[in-house]
Amino acid sequence: MNTPRPDAAAALYDVLIIGGGVVGSTLACALGDGPLSVALVERGTLDGCRPGPEHDLRVSAITPASRNVFAAVGAWDAMTGWRVGPYTDMHVWDGAGGASIHFDCTELGEPELGWIVENRIVQHELLGRAGEFENVTVLESAELARAEINDVGFSVALEDGRLLQTRLLVGADGARSRVRRLAGIDTVGWDYDQHGLVCTVDTEFPHASTAWQRFLSTGPLAFLPLSDGRCSIVWSTTPEAAARLQALDAGAFESELTDAFEAQLGRVGLVSPRVAFPLRLQHARHYIGPRVVLLGDAAHTIHPLAGQGVNLGVMDAACLAECLLDGAARGRAPDSIVTLRRYERWRKGQNMLMQATMDAFKRLFGSELMPLRLARNLGLRLADNAVPVKNALARRAMGLSGDLPASARYASAGIASVRPGRRVRSE
């Protein structure tokens, strides 16, 4: 391929982020007010992701580490102005043996274990916040058409004909990343032969700010507490079972869901549509290439049983921002291989470990072999009684320990509310 020369008429940015979802917008905000010029390309619009009056079906369990990143960039206070459901406890049990483990924030000396937040709320506030930084340009209703390496970095064309140049191209464009494909980076992984069915339900008894999860042989069933007293459910099961559950009338579905959850919260009432999506483990062989870097789902996807997917992506964004800003302070260009390799070393091992752990849990609790059933029930009981071990595991999952970026350790006390009336700049 011939290397094209830079187009003098195209706007030049130090960093061009493709994908303005939670992860891409977090990166843009984390680079805000810094020395690098940043453009964020988002296929939707700020108004388009504005939360509606009802809870959206897609929610995430936000860890304290991710909350700290959102606070550090000035977006958390605005998120809490919408609908944020804190949870203080987590109760997990094995449907094939009855053993359980209970996590309590008071044992950890923390006010919460995490927060259940709609993805739409998180994206809306991060995307809006990104548009407030002088060094960040948000390009709405824009999609990547092609990208080619040139003498500067990348020459990028958008679907609407706009031309851009960048020293570093960032793929935050999801599991089917176009940036990853254009960069020629392969992935490894496999389908789980499961679909995740999501919906919102009422429960007879209060959820008590508790996240609940029951492991079934076909996959885990989670009840996540929402701010209005309802629950968001994520039911991982076979594709055939998911299709059958979607086809049931409301009454039959409510009855089956109540039974599958062992009526822990009494009778369950369906209050939203049911949507199912396929589950897959996927990991990019490399996070970086010449003048390109991947993060979030573009680099890795994970089974949702522990709700870590979004949080891993947020940590990717925070770590990449720290590497880029440290590199700039040392006089390195944003596409410096030293900077990019630091990011890859920092995140790749941690993400692979989390993927492997969740995959092992999925396979262990999905097995009906008697020796494994006995072993996992014994393990749950031992872990529940070994409080120091249990709390160490919880702190790791919450992002309160490990090799964290500085923003994930950010003290959120005293954060001023984000200015109202934000607008995303367009070009």
Protein backbone atom coordinates (compact mmCIF):
# COMPACT_ATOMS: atom_id res chain seq x y z
CA MET A 1 0.00 0.00 0.00
CA ASN A 2 1.32 3.42 -0.89
CA THR A 3 1.68 5.75 2.07
CA PRO A 4 -0.42 8.87 1.41
CA ARG A 5 0.91 12.30 2.24
CA PRO A 6 -0.84 14.42 4.87
CA ASP A 7 -3.80 16.45 3.65
CA ALA A 8 -3.10 20.07 4.53
CA ALA A 9 -6.85 20.82 4.52
CA ALA A 10 -7.66 18.13 7.12
CA ALA A 11 -7.79 19.05 10.81
CA LEU A 12 -4.87 17.54 12.74
CA TYR A 13 -5.30 16.08 16.24
CA ASP A 14 -2.83 14.45 18.56
CA VAL A 15 -5.40 11.81 19.55
CA LEU A 16 -8.46 10.73 17.56
CA ILE A 17 -10.87 8.48 19.48
CA ILE A 18 -13.32 6.40 17.46
CA GLY A 19 -16.33 5.62 19.64
CA GLY A 20 -18.01 7.97 22.10
CA GLY A 21 -19.52 5.34 24.38
CA VAL A 22 -18.62 5.01 28.04
CA VAL A 23 -14.99 4.02 27.40
CA GLY A 24 -14.17 6.44 24.59
CA SER A 25 -15.83 9.36 26.38
CA THR A 26 -13.98 8.52 29.59
CA LEU A 27 -10.68 8.71 27.72
CA ALA A 28 -11.61 12.05 26.13
CA CYS A 29 -12.52 13.48 29.53
CA ALA A 30 -9.38 12.09 31.16
CA LEU A 31 -7.31 13.92 28.52
CA GLY A 32 -9.32 17.11 29.02
CA ASP A 33 -7.47 20.32 29.94
CA GLY A 34 -4.23 18.58 28.97
CA PRO A 35 -1.55 19.41 26.39
CA LEU A 36 -2.88 17.06 23.70
CA SER A 37 -5.49 18.00 21.11
CA VAL A 38 -8.26 15.40 21.09
CA ALA A 39 -11.16 14.57 18.78
CA LEU A 40 -13.94 12.18 19.77
CA VAL A 41 -15.97 10.60 16.95
CA GLU A 42 -19.42 9.39 18.04
CA ARG A 43 -22.00 7.87 15.73
CA GLY A 44 -24.87 9.13 17.90
CA THR A 45 -25.60 12.47 19.54
CA LEU A 46 -25.74 13.89 23.04
CA ASP A 47 -29.50 14.36 22.76
CA GLY A 48 -29.86 10.85 21.38
CA CYS A 49 -28.37 9.25 24.48
CA ARG A 50 -30.25 11.47 26.91
CA PRO A 51 -31.94 9.29 29.56
CA GLY A 52 -35.70 8.90 29.34
CA PRO A 53 -38.27 8.82 32.14
CA GLU A 54 -37.99 5.02 32.52
CA HIS A 55 -34.95 2.92 33.33
CA ASP A 56 -33.06 1.76 30.26
CA LEU A 57 -32.60 -2.00 29.93
CA ARG A 58 -28.80 -1.86 29.76
CA VAL A 59 -27.26 -1.12 33.14
CA SER A 60 -23.80 -1.59 34.63
CA ALA A 61 -22.50 -2.28 38.12
CA ILE A 62 -20.08 0.61 38.62
CA THR A 63 -17.21 -0.09 41.03
CA PRO A 64 -15.73 2.46 43.43
CA ALA A 65 -12.63 2.62 41.19
CA SER A 66 -14.74 3.57 38.16
CA ARG A 67 -16.74 6.01 40.28
CA ASN A 68 -13.45 7.65 41.28
CA VAL A 69 -12.45 8.04 37.63
CA PHE A 70 -15.82 9.61 36.82
CA ALA A 71 -15.43 11.96 39.78
CA ALA A 72 -11.89 12.87 38.76
CA VAL A 73 -13.07 14.02 35.32
CA GLY A 74 -16.02 15.93 36.79
CA ALA A 75 -18.90 13.73 35.63
CA TRP A 76 -20.01 11.70 38.67
CA ASP A 77 -22.08 14.40 40.37
CA ALA A 78 -24.12 14.85 37.19
CA MET A 79 -24.71 11.09 36.98
CA THR A 80 -26.10 11.02 40.50
CA GLY A 81 -28.58 13.72 39.45
CA TRP A 82 -30.31 11.06 37.36
CA ARG A 83 -30.84 7.52 38.65
CA VAL A 84 -28.01 5.84 40.54
CA GLY A 85 -28.78 2.82 42.70
CA PRO A 86 -26.15 2.09 45.37
CA TYR A 87 -25.83 -1.46 46.64
CA THR A 88 -24.35 -2.29 50.00
CA ASP A 89 -24.56 -6.08 49.95
CA MET A 90 -24.13 -8.93 47.49
CA HIS A 91 -25.60 -12.38 47.98
CA VAL A 92 -24.46 -15.23 45.72
CA TRP A 93 -25.55 -18.86 45.96
CA ASP A 94 -25.29 -22.12 44.06
CA GLY A 95 -28.59 -23.36 42.69
CA ALA A 96 -27.35 -26.96 42.71
CA GLY A 97 -26.16 -27.14 46.29
CA GLY A 98 -27.36 -24.19 48.30
CA ALA A 99 -23.96 -22.95 49.48
CA SER A 100 -23.68 -19.18 49.46
CA ILE A 101 -21.38 -16.25 50.03
CA HIS A 102 -22.37 -12.83 51.31
CA PHE A 103 -20.44 -9.59 50.83
CA ASP A 104 -21.19 -6.66 53.14
CA CYS A 105 -19.78 -3.17 52.67
CA THR A 106 -19.54 -2.64 56.42
CA GLU A 107 -17.05 -5.51 56.68
CA LEU A 108 -14.89 -3.63 54.17
CA GLY A 109 -15.25 -0.27 55.88
CA GLU A 110 -16.88 1.19 52.77
CA PRO A 111 -20.25 2.95 52.42
CA GLU A 112 -21.16 0.95 49.27
CA LEU A 113 -19.97 -1.99 47.24
CA GLY A 114 -20.93 -0.20 44.03
CA TRP A 115 -23.72 1.44 42.07
CA ILE A 116 -26.16 0.21 39.43
CA VAL A 117 -26.33 2.86 36.71
CA GLU A 118 -27.90 2.87 33.28
CA ASN A 119 -25.29 2.88 30.51
CA ARG A 120 -27.21 5.71 28.86
CA ILE A 121 -26.76 7.94 31.91
CA VAL A 122 -23.04 7.26 32.10
CA GLN A 123 -22.51 7.93 28.40
CA HIS A 124 -24.66 11.07 28.38
CA GLU A 125 -22.76 12.73 31.21
CA LEU A 126 -19.32 11.72 29.96
CA LEU A 127 -20.05 12.79 26.39
CA GLY A 128 -21.44 16.09 27.63
CA ARG A 129 -18.49 16.63 29.92
CA ALA A 130 -16.03 15.90 27.08
CA GLY A 131 -17.51 18.79 25.09
CA GLU A 132 -16.67 21.23 27.88
CA PHE A 133 -12.89 20.87 27.54
CA GLU A 134 -11.14 23.39 25.30
CA ASN A 135 -8.72 20.79 23.90
CA VAL A 136 -11.46 18.24 23.08
CA THR A 137 -13.64 18.39 19.97
CA VAL A 138 -16.68 16.09 19.86
CA LEU A 139 -17.87 15.10 16.40
CA GLU A 140 -21.46 13.90 16.58
CA SER A 141 -23.36 11.75 14.07
CA ALA A 142 -20.02 10.65 12.66
CA GLU A 143 -18.64 7.24 11.72
CA LEU A 144 -15.25 6.05 10.54
CA ALA A 145 -15.12 5.19 6.83
CA ARG A 146 -11.42 4.54 6.30
CA ALA A 147 -8.03 5.22 7.85
CA GLU A 148 -4.57 5.04 6.28
CA ILE A 149 -1.13 5.63 7.72
CA ASN A 150 0.63 8.70 6.36
CA ASP A 151 3.73 10.73 7.18
CA VAL A 152 2.03 12.33 10.20
CA GLY A 153 0.12 9.38 11.62
CA PHE A 154 -3.28 8.46 10.20
CA SER A 155 -5.36 10.06 7.49
CA VAL A 156 -8.98 9.44 8.45
CA ALA A 157 -12.13 9.85 6.40
CA LEU A 158 -15.57 9.89 8.02
CA GLU A 159 -18.70 8.56 6.36
CA ASP A 160 -19.99 12.11 5.81
CA GLY A 161 -16.86 13.07 3.87
CA ARG A 162 -15.02 14.95 6.59
CA LEU A 163 -11.24 14.43 6.57
CA LEU A 164 -9.10 14.31 9.70
CA GLN A 165 -5.50 13.59 10.58
CA THR A 166 -4.18 12.22 13.83
CA ARG A 167 -0.90 11.18 15.37
CA LEU A 168 -2.63 8.41 17.33
CA LEU A 169 -5.80 6.54 16.35
CA VAL A 170 -7.74 5.05 19.27
CA GLY A 171 -10.25 2.23 18.82
CA ALA A 172 -12.99 2.45 21.45
CA ASP A 173 -15.61 1.28 18.98
CA GLY A 174 -16.81 -1.93 20.56
CA ALA A 175 -16.45 -5.66 20.08
CA ARG A 176 -16.77 -5.39 16.29
CA SER A 177 -14.18 -2.64 16.17
CA ARG A 178 -13.56 -1.18 12.73
CA VAL A 179 -10.31 0.34 14.00
CA ARG A 180 -9.10 -3.10 15.06
CA ARG A 181 -9.89 -4.54 11.63
CA LEU A 182 -8.24 -1.66 9.77
CA ALA A 183 -5.15 -2.09 11.94
CA GLY A 184 -5.04 -5.81 11.09
CA ILE A 185 -5.13 -6.92 14.73
CA ASP A 186 -6.50 -10.44 15.20
CA THR A 187 -8.59 -11.70 18.10
CA VAL A 188 -8.93 -15.00 19.92
CA GLY A 189 -12.01 -16.21 21.76
CA TRP A 190 -15.14 -18.30 21.65
CA ASP A 191 -18.89 -18.11 21.90
CA TYR A 192 -20.36 -19.21 25.22
CA ASP A 193 -23.45 -20.71 23.58
CA GLN A 194 -25.39 -18.46 25.94
CA HIS A 195 -27.57 -15.39 25.59
CA GLY A 196 -28.04 -12.76 28.26
CA LEU A 197 -31.72 -11.89 28.72
CA VAL A 198 -32.33 -8.50 30.32
CA CYS A 199 -35.46 -6.78 31.57
CA THR A 200 -36.79 -4.72 34.48
CA VAL A 201 -39.02 -6.21 37.15
CA ASP A 202 -40.98 -5.30 40.26
CA THR A 203 -40.55 -7.53 43.30
CA GLU A 204 -42.94 -8.29 46.12
CA PHE A 205 -40.30 -7.61 48.78
CA PRO A 206 -37.73 -4.76 48.82
CA HIS A 207 -34.37 -5.52 47.25
CA ALA A 208 -32.66 -4.06 50.35
CA SER A 209 -29.90 -2.42 48.25
CA THR A 210 -28.56 -5.91 47.60
CA ALA A 211 -27.23 -7.41 44.37
CA TRP A 212 -28.40 -11.02 44.10
CA GLN A 213 -27.04 -13.81 41.92
CA ARG A 214 -27.98 -17.46 41.68
CA PHE A 215 -25.81 -19.86 39.69
CA LEU A 216 -27.84 -22.29 37.59
CA SER A 217 -26.49 -25.08 35.40
CA THR A 218 -27.53 -23.09 32.31
CA GLY A 219 -25.94 -19.85 33.55
CA PRO A 220 -26.17 -17.23 36.31
CA LEU A 221 -29.32 -15.25 37.11
CA ALA A 222 -28.70 -11.80 38.59
CA PHE A 223 -31.09 -9.30 40.20
CA LEU A 224 -29.53 -5.82 40.32
CA PRO A 225 -31.13 -3.17 42.58
CA LEU A 226 -32.35 -0.02 40.86
CA SER A 227 -32.81 3.37 42.49
CA ASP A 228 -36.64 3.27 42.29
CA GLY A 229 -36.97 -0.05 44.14
CA ARG A 230 -37.23 -2.19 41.03
CA CYS A 231 -34.59 -4.66 39.81
CA SER A 232 -32.79 -5.13 36.54
CA ILE A 233 -32.28 -8.79 35.74
CA VAL A 234 -29.57 -10.43 33.66
CA TRP A 235 -30.41 -14.07 32.99
CA SER A 236 -27.63 -15.95 31.19
CA THR A 237 -28.97 -19.12 29.61
CA THR A 238 -28.88 -21.14 26.40
CA PRO A 239 -29.98 -19.41 23.18
CA GLU A 240 -32.94 -21.78 22.93
CA ALA A 241 -34.04 -21.08 26.50
CA ALA A 242 -33.64 -17.33 26.01
CA ALA A 243 -35.85 -17.44 22.91
CA ARG A 244 -38.46 -19.47 24.79
CA LEU A 245 -38.40 -17.06 27.74
CA GLN A 246 -38.88 -14.10 25.41
CA ALA A 247 -41.84 -15.79 23.74
CA LEU A 248 -43.69 -16.55 27.00
CA ASP A 249 -46.61 -14.33 27.96
CA ALA A 250 -45.92 -12.01 30.89
CA GLY A 251 -47.61 -14.19 33.50
CA ALA A 252 -45.78 -17.36 32.50
CA PHE A 253 -42.47 -15.54 32.38
CA GLU A 254 -43.02 -14.01 35.82
CA SER A 255 -43.80 -17.41 37.28
CA GLU A 256 -40.73 -19.04 35.75
CA LEU A 257 -38.47 -16.19 36.82
CA THR A 258 -39.82 -16.28 40.38
CA ASP A 259 -39.13 -20.02 40.57
CA ALA A 260 -35.63 -19.71 39.05
CA PHE A 261 -34.81 -17.07 41.67
CA GLU A 262 -36.30 -19.23 44.44
CA ALA A 263 -38.68 -16.36 45.30
CA GLN A 264 -35.93 -14.61 47.24
CA LEU A 265 -37.81 -11.33 46.78
CA GLY A 266 -41.29 -12.82 46.57
CA ARG A 267 -43.38 -12.65 43.42
CA VAL A 268 -41.80 -10.95 40.43
CA GLY A 269 -43.68 -8.68 38.02
CA LEU A 270 -42.45 -7.81 34.53
CA VAL A 271 -42.44 -4.05 33.80
CA SER A 272 -40.40 -3.79 30.59
CA PRO A 273 -39.72 -5.54 27.30
CA ARG A 274 -37.33 -8.51 27.28
CA VAL A 275 -34.16 -8.30 25.20
CA ALA A 276 -31.49 -10.97 24.68
CA PHE A 277 -27.95 -10.69 23.34
CA PRO A 278 -25.25 -13.32 22.65
CA LEU A 279 -22.36 -13.78 25.07
CA ARG A 280 -18.79 -14.20 23.88
CA LEU A 281 -15.24 -14.09 25.20
CA GLN A 282 -12.91 -12.20 22.88
CA HIS A 283 -9.41 -10.82 23.30
CA ALA A 284 -7.22 -8.90 20.88
CA ARG A 285 -3.81 -10.48 20.32
CA HIS A 286 -2.29 -7.02 20.61
CA TYR A 287 -3.63 -3.79 22.14
CA ILE A 288 -1.33 -1.61 20.05
CA GLY A 289 -0.02 -1.29 16.52
CA PRO A 290 1.80 1.42 14.57
CA ARG A 291 0.12 4.64 15.73
CA VAL A 292 -3.00 2.78 16.90
CA VAL A 293 -4.28 1.57 20.27
CA LEU A 294 -7.35 -0.40 21.41
CA LEU A 295 -9.31 -0.26 24.65
CA GLY A 296 -12.59 -1.47 26.11
CA ASP A 297 -14.62 -4.00 24.12
CA ALA A 298 -12.45 -3.35 21.06
CA ALA A 299 -9.66 -5.06 23.01
CA HIS A 300 -11.58 -7.54 25.19
CA THR A 301 -15.05 -8.83 26.01
CA ILE A 302 -15.96 -10.88 29.05
CA HIS A 303 -18.82 -12.93 30.49
CA PRO A 304 -21.19 -10.57 32.40
CA LEU A 305 -21.54 -12.77 35.50
CA ALA A 306 -19.55 -10.36 37.70
CA GLY A 307 -20.40 -7.12 35.89
CA GLN A 308 -16.76 -6.29 35.18
CA GLY A 309 -16.93 -5.46 31.46
CA VAL A 310 -17.55 -1.71 31.64
CA ASN A 311 -15.23 -1.32 34.62
CA LEU A 312 -12.33 -2.95 32.77
CA GLY A 313 -12.88 -0.53 29.90
CA VAL A 314 -12.95 2.47 32.23
CA MET A 315 -9.65 1.34 33.75
CA ASP A 316 -8.23 0.97 30.22
CA ALA A 317 -9.20 4.58 29.50
CA ALA A 318 -7.78 5.91 32.76
CA CYS A 319 -4.50 4.01 32.30
CA LEU A 320 -4.10 5.07 28.65
CA ALA A 321 -4.74 8.70 29.57
CA GLU A 322 -2.13 8.52 32.34
CA CYS A 323 0.41 6.98 29.95
CA LEU A 324 -0.24 9.59 27.26
CA LEU A 325 -0.05 12.52 29.69
CA ASP A 326 3.11 11.19 31.34
CA GLY A 327 4.62 10.69 27.89
CA ALA A 328 3.72 14.24 26.84
CA ALA A 329 5.31 15.60 30.02
CA ARG A 330 8.53 13.78 29.00
CA GLY A 331 8.41 15.20 25.50
CA ARG A 332 7.19 12.02 23.79
CA ALA A 333 4.78 12.08 20.88
CA PRO A 334 1.36 10.43 21.52
CA ASP A 335 2.25 7.56 19.17
CA SER A 336 5.53 6.83 20.99
CA ILE A 337 6.05 3.07 21.13
CA VAL A 338 7.42 3.48 24.66
CA THR A 339 4.16 5.07 25.78
CA LEU A 340 1.93 2.59 23.99
CA ARG A 341 3.85 -0.45 25.23
CA ARG A 342 3.56 0.82 28.78
CA TYR A 343 -0.21 0.91 28.39
CA GLU A 344 -0.35 -2.57 26.86
CA ARG A 345 1.82 -4.08 29.61
CA TRP A 346 -0.27 -2.35 32.26
CA ARG A 347 -3.66 -3.51 31.05
CA LYS A 348 -3.31 -6.66 29.00
CA GLY A 349 -2.26 -8.97 31.83
CA GLN A 350 -4.91 -7.66 34.22
CA ASN A 351 -7.66 -7.99 31.61
CA MET A 352 -6.60 -11.52 30.67
CA LEU A 353 -6.57 -12.54 34.34
CA MET A 354 -10.10 -11.21 34.84
CA GLN A 355 -11.29 -12.92 31.66
CA ALA A 356 -9.77 -16.22 32.74
CA THR A 357 -11.25 -15.94 36.22
CA MET A 358 -14.77 -15.22 34.94
CA ASP A 359 -14.48 -17.97 32.36
CA ALA A 360 -13.43 -20.44 35.07
CA PHE A 361 -16.37 -19.41 37.27
CA LYS A 362 -18.76 -19.81 34.37
CA ARG A 363 -17.50 -23.31 33.62
CA LEU A 364 -17.24 -24.39 37.26
CA PHE A 365 -20.78 -23.33 38.18
CA GLY A 366 -22.19 -24.58 34.88
CA SER A 367 -21.01 -28.14 35.49
CA GLU A 368 -23.38 -30.78 36.81
CA LEU A 369 -20.59 -33.25 37.63
CA MET A 370 -21.01 -34.29 41.25
CA PRO A 371 -17.32 -33.83 42.26
CA LEU A 372 -17.33 -30.27 40.93
CA ARG A 373 -20.68 -29.51 42.56
CA LEU A 374 -19.33 -30.67 45.91
CA ALA A 375 -16.06 -28.77 45.44
CA ARG A 376 -17.69 -25.46 44.52
CA ASN A 377 -20.19 -25.63 47.37
CA LEU A 378 -17.39 -26.40 49.81
CA GLY A 379 -15.38 -23.54 48.33
CA LEU A 380 -18.23 -21.07 48.72
CA ARG A 381 -18.73 -22.04 52.36
CA LEU A 382 -15.02 -21.82 53.15
CA ALA A 383 -14.69 -18.45 51.40
CA ASP A 384 -17.73 -17.05 53.20
CA ASN A 385 -16.24 -18.00 56.58
CA ALA A 386 -12.71 -16.83 55.75
CA VAL A 387 -13.54 -13.15 56.13
CA PRO A 388 -10.05 -11.73 55.40
CA VAL A 389 -9.83 -13.75 52.17
CA LYS A 390 -13.39 -12.85 51.19
CA ASN A 391 -12.78 -9.16 51.82
CA ALA A 392 -9.52 -9.21 49.86
CA LEU A 393 -11.38 -10.68 46.89
CA ALA A 394 -14.11 -8.06 47.23
CA ARG A 395 -11.66 -5.17 47.41
CA ARG A 396 -9.94 -6.42 44.29
CA ALA A 397 -13.24 -6.68 42.41
CA MET A 398 -14.21 -3.19 43.60
CA GLY A 399 -10.97 -1.73 42.29
CA LEU A 400 -9.75 -0.79 45.76
CA SER A 401 -6.49 -2.71 45.41
CA GLY A 402 -4.06 -3.64 42.65
CA ASP A 403 -2.10 -1.60 40.11
CA LEU A 404 -4.49 1.30 39.65
CA PRO A 405 -4.22 4.55 37.70
CA ALA A 406 -4.06 7.69 39.82
CA SER A 407 -7.58 8.79 38.87
CA ALA A 408 -9.05 5.50 40.18
CA ARG A 409 -7.66 6.39 43.62
CA TYR A 410 -9.13 9.90 43.36
CA ALA A 411 -10.68 11.28 46.56
CA SER A 412 -14.16 12.34 45.49
CA ALA A 413 -15.00 14.41 48.58
CA GLY A 414 -15.73 18.03 47.78
CA ILE A 415 -16.19 17.60 44.03
CA ALA A 416 -18.16 20.48 42.61
CA SER A 417 -21.18 19.70 40.49
CA VAL A 418 -20.69 19.79 36.76
CA ARG A 419 -21.83 23.02 35.16
CA PRO A 420 -25.37 22.79 33.75
CA GLY A 421 -26.34 23.55 30.21
CA ARG A 422 -23.42 21.75 28.56
CA ARG A 423 -23.29 21.43 24.79
CA VAL A 424 -21.20 19.20 22.55
CA ARG A 425 -19.20 21.17 20.03
CA SER A 426 -19.62 20.02 16.45
CA GLU A 427 -17.59 20.68 13.37
